[in-house]
Amino acid sequence: MVSNQLGRAARGVIGIAARCVCGNPTVVATAPRLDDGTPFPTFYYLTHPAATAAMSTLEAIQVMPELARMLEEDADVAAAYGRAHEAYLADRAQFGDVPEIDGISAGGMPTRVKCLHALAGHALAAGPGVNPMGDAALERSTWSPERCACIDPGAALADSAS
């Protein structure tokens, strides 16, 4: 299902970190080092097509600069974002130490807002209140983890077999 969502073979998946209300994957946890040896800092990877499209739309309509201003202007948000970065690193560290990505999380954490896909993936996997920028992106999104927007999984599997 994850490969179908991505439109390519999934790489380094070690688990499903969040699911749609219907049970389909929404976020995968990815090994910090792929099978070919490549370091991969994005531990939480958003796979749900509707969620990824929603984050792309937010990026296109310039939500990232708005969130970056919030990060710059609100010390409490900045501190929470720093804690989100540390939580992300701790989650990934459970699956291996990769010196090339030591201290690097995803989405611009802890000082920038760079990729809403990564931040929303972390927010979905960790739950509300952990990643303030991911939570903010999800709040502004037309997609919701509370409402299924999946294609029929049976049809998707049949299509992929043809």
N, C-alpha and C. Protein backbone atom coordinates (compact mmCIF):
# COMPACT_ATOMS: atom_id res chain seq x y z
N MET A 1 0.83 -1.19 0.00
CA MET A 1 0.00 0.00 0.00
C MET A 1 0.88 1.26 0.00
N VAL A 2 1.95 1.27 0.79
CA VAL A 2 2.83 2.44 0.84
C VAL A 2 3.46 2.69 -0.52
N SER A 3 3.93 1.65 -1.17
CA SER A 3 4.51 1.82 -2.50
C SER A 3 3.48 2.38 -3.47
N ASN A 4 2.25 1.90 -3.37
CA ASN A 4 1.18 2.42 -4.22
C ASN A 4 0.94 3.89 -3.93
N GLN A 5 0.91 4.27 -2.65
CA GLN A 5 0.72 5.67 -2.30
C GLN A 5 1.82 6.55 -2.88
N LEU A 6 3.05 6.06 -2.82
CA LEU A 6 4.20 6.84 -3.27
C LEU A 6 4.37 6.82 -4.78
N GLY A 7 3.81 5.81 -5.44
CA GLY A 7 4.01 5.66 -6.87
C GLY A 7 5.39 5.13 -7.22
N ARG A 8 6.04 4.53 -6.25
CA ARG A 8 7.37 3.93 -6.43
C ARG A 8 7.59 2.95 -5.29
N ALA A 9 8.64 2.17 -5.39
CA ALA A 9 8.95 1.23 -4.32
C ALA A 9 9.30 2.00 -3.05
N ALA A 10 8.72 1.58 -1.95
CA ALA A 10 9.04 2.18 -0.65
C ALA A 10 10.44 1.73 -0.25
N ARG A 11 11.19 2.63 0.39
CA ARG A 11 12.55 2.31 0.81
C ARG A 11 12.69 2.48 2.32
N GLY A 12 13.33 1.53 2.95
CA GLY A 12 13.72 1.66 4.34
C GLY A 12 12.60 1.71 5.36
N VAL A 13 11.39 1.31 4.98
CA VAL A 13 10.26 1.39 5.91
C VAL A 13 10.46 0.39 7.04
N ILE A 14 10.41 0.90 8.27
CA ILE A 14 10.53 0.03 9.44
C ILE A 14 9.23 -0.06 10.22
N GLY A 15 8.22 0.72 9.81
CA GLY A 15 6.93 0.65 10.48
C GLY A 15 5.99 1.73 10.00
N ILE A 16 4.74 1.55 10.37
CA ILE A 16 3.73 2.56 10.08
C ILE A 16 3.60 3.41 11.33
N ALA A 17 3.87 4.71 11.19
CA ALA A 17 3.89 5.62 12.34
C ALA A 17 2.54 6.29 12.59
N ALA A 18 1.71 6.37 11.56
CA ALA A 18 0.37 6.93 11.71
C ALA A 18 -0.50 6.35 10.60
N ARG A 19 -1.78 6.22 10.92
CA ARG A 19 -2.73 5.64 9.96
C ARG A 19 -3.94 6.55 9.79
N CYS A 20 -4.55 6.42 8.63
CA CYS A 20 -5.83 7.07 8.35
C CYS A 20 -6.88 6.41 9.25
N VAL A 21 -7.99 7.05 9.43
CA VAL A 21 -9.06 6.46 10.23
C VAL A 21 -9.56 5.14 9.64
N CYS A 22 -9.34 4.92 8.33
CA CYS A 22 -9.75 3.67 7.70
C CYS A 22 -8.70 2.57 7.88
N GLY A 23 -7.51 2.93 8.38
CA GLY A 23 -6.46 1.94 8.61
C GLY A 23 -5.31 2.00 7.62
N ASN A 24 -5.46 2.72 6.52
CA ASN A 24 -4.36 2.83 5.56
C ASN A 24 -3.22 3.65 6.15
N PRO A 25 -1.98 3.41 5.70
CA PRO A 25 -0.85 4.19 6.19
C PRO A 25 -0.98 5.67 5.83
N THR A 26 -0.54 6.51 6.74
CA THR A 26 -0.47 7.95 6.50
C THR A 26 0.98 8.40 6.61
N VAL A 27 1.70 7.86 7.58
CA VAL A 27 3.11 8.21 7.82
C VAL A 27 3.87 6.91 8.07
N VAL A 28 5.02 6.79 7.43
CA VAL A 28 5.89 5.64 7.74
C VAL A 28 7.09 6.12 8.54
N ALA A 29 7.62 5.19 9.33
CA ALA A 29 8.92 5.42 9.98
C ALA A 29 9.95 4.77 9.07
N THR A 30 11.01 5.51 8.80
CA THR A 30 12.03 5.06 7.85
C THR A 30 13.36 4.91 8.56
N ALA A 31 14.08 3.87 8.19
CA ALA A 31 15.40 3.62 8.78
C ALA A 31 16.31 4.83 8.55
N PRO A 32 17.13 5.17 9.52
CA PRO A 32 18.03 6.31 9.35
C PRO A 32 19.15 6.05 8.35
N ARG A 33 19.32 4.80 7.97
CA ARG A 33 20.26 4.46 6.90
C ARG A 33 19.54 3.46 5.99
N LEU A 34 19.42 3.81 4.71
CA LEU A 34 18.73 2.95 3.76
C LEU A 34 19.59 1.72 3.46
N ASP A 35 18.97 0.72 2.85
CA ASP A 35 19.66 -0.54 2.54
C ASP A 35 20.91 -0.34 1.69
N ASP A 36 20.91 0.71 0.86
CA ASP A 36 22.09 0.95 0.01
C ASP A 36 23.18 1.74 0.73
N GLY A 37 22.95 2.03 2.03
CA GLY A 37 23.94 2.76 2.83
C GLY A 37 23.72 4.25 2.91
N THR A 38 22.78 4.77 2.16
CA THR A 38 22.51 6.20 2.15
C THR A 38 21.91 6.66 3.49
N PRO A 39 22.48 7.70 4.11
CA PRO A 39 21.87 8.27 5.32
C PRO A 39 20.51 8.89 4.95
N PHE A 40 19.52 8.71 5.79
CA PHE A 40 18.18 9.21 5.51
C PHE A 40 17.62 9.88 6.76
N PRO A 41 17.73 11.21 6.84
CA PRO A 41 17.32 11.90 8.07
C PRO A 41 15.80 11.95 8.30
N THR A 42 15.00 11.79 7.25
CA THR A 42 13.55 11.93 7.40
C THR A 42 12.97 10.65 7.97
N PHE A 43 12.95 10.58 9.29
CA PHE A 43 12.45 9.39 9.98
C PHE A 43 10.95 9.23 9.78
N TYR A 44 10.19 10.30 9.89
CA TYR A 44 8.74 10.26 9.68
C TYR A 44 8.45 10.81 8.29
N TYR A 45 7.93 9.93 7.43
CA TYR A 45 7.75 10.26 6.02
C TYR A 45 6.27 10.18 5.68
N LEU A 46 5.70 11.31 5.29
CA LEU A 46 4.28 11.40 4.94
C LEU A 46 4.04 10.67 3.61
N THR A 47 3.13 9.70 3.60
CA THR A 47 2.88 8.91 2.40
C THR A 47 1.47 9.06 1.84
N HIS A 48 0.54 9.50 2.64
CA HIS A 48 -0.86 9.56 2.22
C HIS A 48 -1.02 10.60 1.11
N PRO A 49 -1.51 10.20 -0.06
CA PRO A 49 -1.58 11.14 -1.20
C PRO A 49 -2.37 12.41 -0.91
N ALA A 50 -3.50 12.31 -0.24
CA ALA A 50 -4.30 13.51 0.04
C ALA A 50 -3.58 14.41 1.04
N ALA A 51 -2.91 13.82 2.00
CA ALA A 51 -2.16 14.62 2.98
C ALA A 51 -0.97 15.31 2.31
N THR A 52 -0.24 14.58 1.47
CA THR A 52 0.90 15.20 0.79
C THR A 52 0.45 16.30 -0.14
N ALA A 53 -0.67 16.10 -0.83
CA ALA A 53 -1.20 17.14 -1.72
C ALA A 53 -1.60 18.38 -0.91
N ALA A 54 -2.20 18.16 0.24
CA ALA A 54 -2.61 19.29 1.10
C ALA A 54 -1.39 20.08 1.58
N MET A 55 -0.31 19.39 1.95
CA MET A 55 0.89 20.09 2.40
C MET A 55 1.54 20.84 1.23
N SER A 56 1.52 20.25 0.04
CA SER A 56 2.04 20.94 -1.15
C SER A 56 1.25 22.21 -1.43
N THR A 57 -0.05 22.14 -1.26
CA THR A 57 -0.89 23.32 -1.46
C THR A 57 -0.53 24.41 -0.46
N LEU A 58 -0.37 24.04 0.81
CA LEU A 58 0.01 25.03 1.82
C LEU A 58 1.35 25.67 1.49
N GLU A 59 2.30 24.87 1.02
CA GLU A 59 3.59 25.43 0.63
C GLU A 59 3.43 26.39 -0.54
N ALA A 60 2.57 26.02 -1.51
CA ALA A 60 2.36 26.86 -2.69
C ALA A 60 1.69 28.19 -2.36
N ILE A 61 0.85 28.20 -1.34
CA ILE A 61 0.16 29.45 -0.99
C ILE A 61 0.90 30.23 0.10
N GLN A 62 2.17 29.87 0.31
CA GLN A 62 3.07 30.63 1.17
C GLN A 62 2.74 30.57 2.66
N VAL A 63 2.32 29.40 3.14
CA VAL A 63 2.08 29.23 4.57
C VAL A 63 3.41 29.13 5.33
N MET A 64 4.45 28.62 4.69
CA MET A 64 5.73 28.48 5.39
C MET A 64 6.27 29.81 5.92
N PRO A 65 6.26 30.89 5.14
CA PRO A 65 6.73 32.16 5.71
C PRO A 65 5.89 32.63 6.91
N GLU A 66 4.60 32.36 6.87
CA GLU A 66 3.73 32.70 8.00
C GLU A 66 4.15 31.94 9.26
N LEU A 67 4.41 30.64 9.10
CA LEU A 67 4.83 29.83 10.24
C LEU A 67 6.23 30.22 10.70
N ALA A 68 7.08 30.59 9.76
CA ALA A 68 8.44 31.04 10.13
C ALA A 68 8.36 32.31 10.97
N ARG A 69 7.45 33.21 10.63
CA ARG A 69 7.27 34.44 11.43
C ARG A 69 6.79 34.08 12.84
N MET A 70 5.88 33.13 12.92
CA MET A 70 5.39 32.69 14.23
C MET A 70 6.56 32.14 15.06
N LEU A 71 7.42 31.38 14.42
CA LEU A 71 8.59 30.81 15.09
C LEU A 71 9.53 31.91 15.58
N GLU A 72 9.74 32.94 14.76
CA GLU A 72 10.63 34.05 15.13
C GLU A 72 10.06 34.94 16.22
N GLU A 73 8.74 35.10 16.23
CA GLU A 73 8.10 36.08 17.12
C GLU A 73 7.61 35.52 18.45
N ASP A 74 7.51 34.20 18.56
CA ASP A 74 6.94 33.61 19.77
C ASP A 74 7.96 32.67 20.42
N ALA A 75 8.53 33.11 21.52
CA ALA A 75 9.56 32.32 22.20
C ALA A 75 9.04 30.97 22.67
N ASP A 76 7.78 30.92 23.07
CA ASP A 76 7.21 29.65 23.52
C ASP A 76 7.11 28.65 22.37
N VAL A 77 6.70 29.15 21.20
CA VAL A 77 6.62 28.29 20.01
C VAL A 77 8.02 27.81 19.63
N ALA A 78 8.99 28.73 19.67
CA ALA A 78 10.37 28.37 19.33
C ALA A 78 10.91 27.30 20.29
N ALA A 79 10.60 27.43 21.56
CA ALA A 79 11.06 26.44 22.55
C ALA A 79 10.39 25.09 22.30
N ALA A 80 9.10 25.10 22.00
CA ALA A 80 8.38 23.86 21.71
C ALA A 80 8.93 23.20 20.44
N TYR A 81 9.28 24.01 19.47
CA TYR A 81 9.85 23.50 18.21
C TYR A 81 11.22 22.87 18.47
N GLY A 82 11.99 23.48 19.35
CA GLY A 82 13.27 22.89 19.74
C GLY A 82 13.08 21.54 20.43
N ARG A 83 12.06 21.45 21.27
CA ARG A 83 11.76 20.17 21.94
C ARG A 83 11.30 19.13 20.91
N ALA A 84 10.55 19.58 19.90
CA ALA A 84 10.10 18.66 18.83
C ALA A 84 11.30 18.09 18.09
N HIS A 85 12.27 18.94 17.81
CA HIS A 85 13.51 18.52 17.16
C HIS A 85 14.21 17.43 17.99
N GLU A 86 14.34 17.67 19.29
CA GLU A 86 15.00 16.70 20.17
C GLU A 86 14.21 15.39 20.23
N ALA A 87 12.88 15.48 20.28
CA ALA A 87 12.04 14.28 20.30
C ALA A 87 12.21 13.48 19.01
N TYR A 88 12.27 14.18 17.89
CA TYR A 88 12.46 13.54 16.59
C TYR A 88 13.78 12.78 16.56
N LEU A 89 14.84 13.45 17.01
CA LEU A 89 16.16 12.81 17.04
C LEU A 89 16.16 11.57 17.95
N ALA A 90 15.51 11.68 19.09
CA ALA A 90 15.45 10.55 20.02
C ALA A 90 14.67 9.38 19.42
N ASP A 91 13.58 9.67 18.73
CA ASP A 91 12.80 8.61 18.08
C ASP A 91 13.66 7.88 17.05
N ARG A 92 14.34 8.65 16.21
CA ARG A 92 15.16 8.06 15.15
C ARG A 92 16.35 7.29 15.72
N ALA A 93 16.95 7.79 16.78
CA ALA A 93 18.14 7.16 17.37
C ALA A 93 17.88 5.74 17.83
N GLN A 94 16.65 5.41 18.13
CA GLN A 94 16.32 4.05 18.55
C GLN A 94 16.60 3.02 17.45
N PHE A 95 16.76 3.51 16.21
CA PHE A 95 16.93 2.61 15.07
C PHE A 95 18.31 2.70 14.44
N GLY A 96 19.24 3.32 15.15
CA GLY A 96 20.61 3.33 14.67
C GLY A 96 21.24 4.70 14.74
N ASP A 97 22.54 4.67 14.89
CA ASP A 97 23.34 5.89 14.93
C ASP A 97 23.96 6.09 13.55
N VAL A 98 23.69 7.23 12.94
CA VAL A 98 24.22 7.54 11.62
C VAL A 98 24.96 8.88 11.74
N PRO A 99 26.29 8.82 11.87
CA PRO A 99 27.06 10.04 12.12
C PRO A 99 26.84 11.15 11.08
N GLU A 100 26.60 10.77 9.84
CA GLU A 100 26.43 11.78 8.79
C GLU A 100 25.20 12.68 9.01
N ILE A 101 24.23 12.20 9.76
CA ILE A 101 23.03 13.01 9.99
C ILE A 101 22.84 13.34 11.47
N ASP A 102 23.90 13.19 12.23
CA ASP A 102 23.85 13.50 13.66
C ASP A 102 23.37 14.94 13.87
N GLY A 103 22.35 15.11 14.67
CA GLY A 103 21.82 16.43 14.98
C GLY A 103 20.88 17.01 13.94
N ILE A 104 20.69 16.30 12.83
CA ILE A 104 19.80 16.78 11.76
C ILE A 104 18.48 16.03 11.88
N SER A 105 17.40 16.78 11.99
CA SER A 105 16.09 16.13 12.03
C SER A 105 15.43 16.31 10.66
N ALA A 106 14.36 17.06 10.58
CA ALA A 106 13.67 17.23 9.29
C ALA A 106 12.83 18.49 9.31
N GLY A 107 12.47 18.94 8.16
CA GLY A 107 11.54 20.05 8.04
C GLY A 107 12.08 21.40 8.45
N GLY A 108 13.40 21.50 8.67
CA GLY A 108 14.00 22.75 9.09
C GLY A 108 14.18 22.88 10.59
N MET A 109 13.69 21.90 11.34
CA MET A 109 13.83 21.97 12.79
C MET A 109 15.32 22.06 13.15
N PRO A 110 15.68 22.75 14.17
CA PRO A 110 14.84 23.45 15.15
C PRO A 110 14.69 24.95 14.89
N THR A 111 15.25 25.48 13.80
CA THR A 111 15.26 26.95 13.66
C THR A 111 14.52 27.48 12.44
N ARG A 112 14.15 26.61 11.50
CA ARG A 112 13.48 27.06 10.28
C ARG A 112 12.25 26.23 10.01
N VAL A 113 11.41 26.73 9.14
CA VAL A 113 10.25 25.98 8.64
C VAL A 113 10.55 25.73 7.17
N LYS A 114 10.95 24.50 6.86
CA LYS A 114 11.46 24.20 5.53
C LYS A 114 10.56 23.25 4.73
N CYS A 115 9.93 22.27 5.38
CA CYS A 115 9.14 21.27 4.65
C CYS A 115 7.92 20.88 5.48
N LEU A 116 6.76 21.33 5.03
CA LEU A 116 5.53 21.04 5.78
C LEU A 116 5.19 19.55 5.75
N HIS A 117 5.61 18.84 4.70
CA HIS A 117 5.36 17.40 4.63
C HIS A 117 6.03 16.69 5.81
N ALA A 118 7.29 17.02 6.05
CA ALA A 118 8.03 16.39 7.14
C ALA A 118 7.46 16.80 8.50
N LEU A 119 7.10 18.06 8.63
CA LEU A 119 6.59 18.54 9.92
C LEU A 119 5.21 17.96 10.22
N ALA A 120 4.36 17.86 9.20
CA ALA A 120 3.04 17.24 9.39
C ALA A 120 3.20 15.75 9.69
N GLY A 121 4.14 15.09 9.00
CA GLY A 121 4.39 13.68 9.28
C GLY A 121 4.78 13.45 10.72
N HIS A 122 5.67 14.32 11.23
CA HIS A 122 6.08 14.20 12.63
C HIS A 122 4.89 14.45 13.56
N ALA A 123 4.11 15.48 13.26
CA ALA A 123 2.95 15.80 14.11
C ALA A 123 1.95 14.64 14.13
N LEU A 124 1.72 14.02 12.98
CA LEU A 124 0.78 12.90 12.94
C LEU A 124 1.32 11.69 13.70
N ALA A 125 2.61 11.42 13.57
CA ALA A 125 3.20 10.27 14.24
C ALA A 125 3.30 10.47 15.74
N ALA A 126 3.70 11.66 16.15
CA ALA A 126 3.94 11.93 17.57
C ALA A 126 2.67 12.32 18.32
N GLY A 127 1.69 12.82 17.61
CA GLY A 127 0.44 13.26 18.23
C GLY A 127 0.44 14.75 18.47
N PRO A 128 -0.75 15.31 18.68
CA PRO A 128 -0.88 16.75 18.88
C PRO A 128 -0.05 17.25 20.06
N GLY A 129 0.48 18.46 19.91
CA GLY A 129 1.21 19.09 21.00
C GLY A 129 2.70 18.83 21.01
N VAL A 130 3.20 18.00 20.12
CA VAL A 130 4.63 17.71 20.09
C VAL A 130 5.36 18.64 19.12
N ASN A 131 4.83 18.80 17.91
CA ASN A 131 5.47 19.63 16.90
C ASN A 131 4.55 20.80 16.54
N PRO A 132 4.81 21.98 17.08
CA PRO A 132 3.88 23.09 16.86
C PRO A 132 3.74 23.51 15.40
N MET A 133 4.80 23.40 14.62
CA MET A 133 4.70 23.77 13.21
C MET A 133 3.93 22.72 12.42
N GLY A 134 4.14 21.45 12.74
CA GLY A 134 3.36 20.39 12.11
C GLY A 134 1.89 20.49 12.48
N ASP A 135 1.62 20.77 13.76
CA ASP A 135 0.23 20.96 14.19
C ASP A 135 -0.41 22.14 13.46
N ALA A 136 0.32 23.23 13.32
CA ALA A 136 -0.20 24.42 12.65
C ALA A 136 -0.49 24.13 11.18
N ALA A 137 0.39 23.38 10.53
CA ALA A 137 0.16 23.01 9.12
C ALA A 137 -1.10 22.15 9.01
N LEU A 138 -1.24 21.18 9.88
CA LEU A 138 -2.43 20.33 9.84
C LEU A 138 -3.71 21.13 10.11
N GLU A 139 -3.63 22.09 11.01
CA GLU A 139 -4.81 22.92 11.31
C GLU A 139 -5.22 23.76 10.10
N ARG A 140 -4.26 24.20 9.29
CA ARG A 140 -4.54 25.03 8.11
C ARG A 140 -4.91 24.21 6.88
N SER A 141 -4.76 22.90 6.97
CA SER A 141 -4.94 22.01 5.84
C SER A 141 -6.41 21.72 5.56
N THR A 142 -6.71 21.47 4.29
CA THR A 142 -8.05 21.01 3.93
C THR A 142 -8.19 19.52 4.20
N TRP A 143 -7.07 18.81 4.34
CA TRP A 143 -7.07 17.39 4.66
C TRP A 143 -7.12 17.23 6.17
N SER A 144 -7.76 16.18 6.63
CA SER A 144 -7.83 15.92 8.06
C SER A 144 -7.57 14.45 8.34
N PRO A 145 -6.78 14.16 9.38
CA PRO A 145 -6.58 12.75 9.75
C PRO A 145 -7.84 12.12 10.35
N GLU A 146 -8.84 12.94 10.61
CA GLU A 146 -10.09 12.45 11.19
C GLU A 146 -11.10 12.01 10.14
N ARG A 147 -10.78 12.23 8.85
CA ARG A 147 -11.73 11.95 7.78
C ARG A 147 -10.99 11.20 6.67
N CYS A 148 -11.48 10.05 6.30
CA CYS A 148 -10.82 9.25 5.26
C CYS A 148 -10.95 9.94 3.90
N ALA A 149 -9.81 10.04 3.22
CA ALA A 149 -9.78 10.57 1.86
C ALA A 149 -8.98 9.60 0.97
N CYS A 150 -9.01 8.34 1.35
CA CYS A 150 -8.24 7.33 0.62
C CYS A 150 -9.01 6.88 -0.61
N ILE A 151 -8.24 6.46 -1.61
CA ILE A 151 -8.85 5.77 -2.72
C ILE A 151 -9.21 4.38 -2.22
N ASP A 152 -10.08 3.70 -2.91
CA ASP A 152 -10.47 2.35 -2.53
C ASP A 152 -9.24 1.45 -2.57
N PRO A 153 -8.80 0.91 -1.40
CA PRO A 153 -7.59 0.11 -1.39
C PRO A 153 -7.67 -1.11 -2.29
N GLY A 154 -8.85 -1.69 -2.43
CA GLY A 154 -9.00 -2.85 -3.32
C GLY A 154 -8.75 -2.46 -4.76
N ALA A 155 -9.27 -1.28 -5.17
CA ALA A 155 -9.06 -0.81 -6.53
C ALA A 155 -7.59 -0.48 -6.75
N ALA A 156 -6.96 0.12 -5.74
CA ALA A 156 -5.55 0.46 -5.87
C ALA A 156 -4.70 -0.79 -6.04
N LEU A 157 -5.01 -1.82 -5.29
CA LEU A 157 -4.25 -3.06 -5.41
C LEU A 157 -4.51 -3.71 -6.76
N ALA A 158 -5.75 -3.67 -7.24
CA ALA A 158 -6.06 -4.24 -8.55
C ALA A 158 -5.34 -3.48 -9.65
N ASP A 159 -5.32 -2.13 -9.55
CA ASP A 159 -4.61 -1.31 -10.53
C ASP A 159 -3.14 -1.63 -10.56
N SER A 160 -2.53 -1.83 -9.38
CA SER A 160 -1.10 -2.06 -9.32
C SER A 160 -0.74 -3.46 -9.85
N ALA A 161 -1.71 -4.39 -9.85
CA ALA A 161 -1.46 -5.73 -10.35
C ALA A 161 -1.58 -5.79 -11.88
N SER A 162 -2.25 -4.77 -12.48
CA SER A 162 -2.41 -4.79 -13.94
C SER A 162 -1.18 -4.34 -14.66
